[in-house]
Structure formats: C-alpha cells, structure tokens
Amino acid sequence: MENDKIQIEQENGETLDFNVNAEVQKGLYLTTDTRLINENIQKFAIDIEMVPNQIAMKISQIGKFAAVTFAVDENRKYQYLIGSELDIDKMEKNASDKIPDQIKGLIVEAYSLTQKE
C-alpha cells in the first residue's frame, strides 16, 4: 500500500484524496512521508502549530474520518487516519512496538469523532 490514497467525502459533497503509506489494520492508516503529510495538512486545512523543541499534535475531523497529526519538526511528521470501522479493542491489543501506548489513547479519542452522525 505504498503511497495510496483514501477518498474522503467532504460536507459539500466534494471528494478529496488523503495520502497514506500503510494500513495498520482495517480502519487505521499511517502516513510517514513528510511530503505526503504536508499535502494532507494543506488539502484538509489541518491547523497544526509548530512549537520549537516540542512535538506538535492535532486531532482533526475530516469528513467521516479523523486524523491524528504529529510534527516533531518540519522534516519529521507522522499522521494516522482513523475510520469508523476501526476495531478499537484490536487496536488497543496491538503490540506497543507497533503503536505506542500514548498514541493509542489519541487514536481512541479521534475514533470517537468518527462515531458522530
């Protein structure tokens, strides 16, 4: 699934492509390519504020999906895309080397945004 795209329908009916690098499990995607993340940030107007010597983090609702964006600095960014079909229990049981525990909590928080009708 190298450099794949997930189509996300916006509130205005327009469909935009969200860049992803890998499917962690059904409903959970990871993007690690900074260039692709920057495209996502711009395309979906994700307002993430960079603070020197701090990791910036932003949870955003994007259509029926949610995104968790991390920025260590301009060249090191990570982004998870969460869909409503994510099996939270399975994700939480994932080994910590695959998904760090503190990130699991943020994914659960973002997942709750996908459950609103």
Protein backbone atom coordinates (compact mmCIF):
# COMPACT_ATOMS: atom_id res chain seq x y z
CA MET A 1 0.00 0.00 0.00
CA GLU A 2 2.88 2.35 -0.71
CA ASN A 3 1.64 5.94 -1.30
CA ASP A 4 -2.02 5.02 -1.53
CA LYS A 5 -4.99 7.37 -1.23
CA ILE A 6 -8.20 7.11 0.75
CA GLN A 7 -11.11 9.01 -0.77
CA ILE A 8 -12.92 11.20 1.76
CA GLU A 9 -16.22 12.89 1.02
CA GLN A 10 -16.43 16.43 2.37
CA GLU A 11 -19.56 18.07 3.78
CA ASN A 12 -20.03 19.93 0.48
CA GLY A 13 -20.09 16.59 -1.39
CA GLU A 14 -16.62 17.05 -2.89
CA THR A 15 -14.31 14.02 -2.64
CA LEU A 16 -10.65 14.56 -1.79
CA ASP A 17 -7.78 12.05 -1.61
CA PHE A 18 -5.98 11.59 1.70
CA ASN A 19 -2.42 10.26 1.28
CA VAL A 20 -1.45 7.15 3.28
CA ASN A 21 1.65 4.91 3.31
CA ALA A 22 0.37 1.84 5.16
CA GLU A 23 -2.73 0.17 6.57
CA VAL A 24 -2.02 -0.73 10.20
CA GLN A 25 -5.34 -2.58 10.38
CA LYS A 26 -8.81 -2.12 8.88
CA GLY A 27 -9.83 1.48 9.58
CA LEU A 28 -6.38 2.65 10.71
CA TYR A 29 -3.81 4.05 8.27
CA LEU A 30 -0.39 5.55 8.80
CA THR A 31 1.48 8.14 6.76
CA THR A 32 5.17 8.72 7.44
CA ASP A 33 6.24 10.54 4.26
CA THR A 34 6.57 14.21 5.26
CA ARG A 35 5.80 15.43 1.74
CA LEU A 36 2.52 13.47 1.67
CA ILE A 37 1.62 14.64 5.18
CA ASN A 38 2.24 18.26 4.17
CA GLU A 39 -0.13 17.73 1.22
CA ASN A 40 -2.77 16.33 3.60
CA ILE A 41 -2.30 19.23 6.03
CA GLN A 42 -2.77 21.74 3.24
CA LYS A 43 -5.59 19.94 1.40
CA PHE A 44 -7.66 19.35 4.55
CA ALA A 45 -6.75 22.65 6.28
CA ILE A 46 -5.28 20.94 9.35
CA ASP A 47 -4.16 23.74 11.64
CA ILE A 48 -1.11 22.31 13.44
CA GLU A 49 1.08 24.78 15.25
CA MET A 50 4.80 24.09 15.31
CA VAL A 51 6.48 24.96 18.63
CA PRO A 52 10.30 24.81 18.86
CA ASN A 53 11.56 21.84 20.94
CA GLN A 54 8.06 20.37 21.34
CA ILE A 55 6.08 17.74 19.48
CA ALA A 56 3.03 19.37 17.95
CA MET A 57 -0.14 17.25 17.86
CA LYS A 58 -3.55 17.81 16.33
CA ILE A 59 -6.73 15.70 16.15
CA SER A 60 -8.93 16.69 13.21
CA GLN A 61 -12.27 15.51 11.91
CA ILE A 62 -12.11 15.01 8.15
CA GLY A 63 -15.43 14.03 6.67
CA LYS A 64 -16.42 10.73 8.30
CA PHE A 65 -12.78 10.11 9.24
CA ALA A 66 -10.47 11.58 11.88
CA ALA A 67 -6.75 12.27 11.66
CA VAL A 68 -4.07 12.47 14.32
CA THR A 69 -1.11 14.52 13.10
CA PHE A 70 2.26 14.72 14.89
CA ALA A 71 5.09 17.06 13.98
CA VAL A 72 8.47 16.68 15.66
CA ASP A 73 9.88 19.33 13.32
CA GLU A 74 9.39 20.40 9.70
CA ASN A 75 11.08 17.23 8.42
CA ARG A 76 9.66 14.63 10.82
CA LYS A 77 5.90 14.27 10.76
CA TYR A 78 3.55 11.32 11.29
CA GLN A 79 -0.15 11.01 10.64
CA TYR A 80 -2.80 8.41 11.45
CA LEU A 81 -6.12 8.32 9.60
CA ILE A 82 -8.93 6.69 11.55
CA GLY A 83 -12.12 5.35 10.00
CA SER A 84 -15.41 4.47 11.69
CA GLU A 85 -14.85 0.75 11.00
CA LEU A 86 -11.73 0.60 13.22
CA ASP A 87 -11.87 -2.23 15.78
CA ILE A 88 -10.75 -0.30 18.88
CA ASP A 89 -10.27 -3.44 21.01
CA LYS A 90 -8.00 -4.99 18.38
CA MET A 91 -6.04 -1.73 18.05
CA GLU A 92 -5.56 -1.46 21.82
CA LYS A 93 -4.25 -5.05 21.93
CA ASN A 94 -1.70 -4.24 19.20
CA ALA A 95 1.86 -4.63 20.43
CA SER A 96 3.31 -1.40 21.84
CA ASP A 97 6.20 -1.56 19.37
CA LYS A 98 3.63 -1.22 16.57
CA ILE A 99 1.60 1.60 18.17
CA PRO A 100 2.98 3.37 21.28
CA ASP A 101 0.54 3.40 24.23
CA GLN A 102 0.27 7.21 24.38
CA ILE A 103 -0.68 7.26 20.68
CA LYS A 104 -3.32 4.57 21.25
CA GLY A 105 -5.13 6.98 23.59
CA LEU A 106 -5.12 9.69 20.93
CA ILE A 107 -6.42 7.23 18.33
CA VAL A 108 -9.30 6.29 20.66
CA GLU A 109 -10.09 9.99 21.13
CA ALA A 110 -10.00 10.58 17.37
CA TYR A 111 -12.11 7.44 16.75
CA SER A 112 -14.90 8.95 18.86
CA LEU A 113 -15.18 11.75 16.24
CA THR A 114 -15.93 9.15 13.57
CA GLN A 115 -18.91 7.83 15.54
CA LYS A 116 -20.95 11.04 15.38
CA GLU A 117 -23.71 11.08 12.79
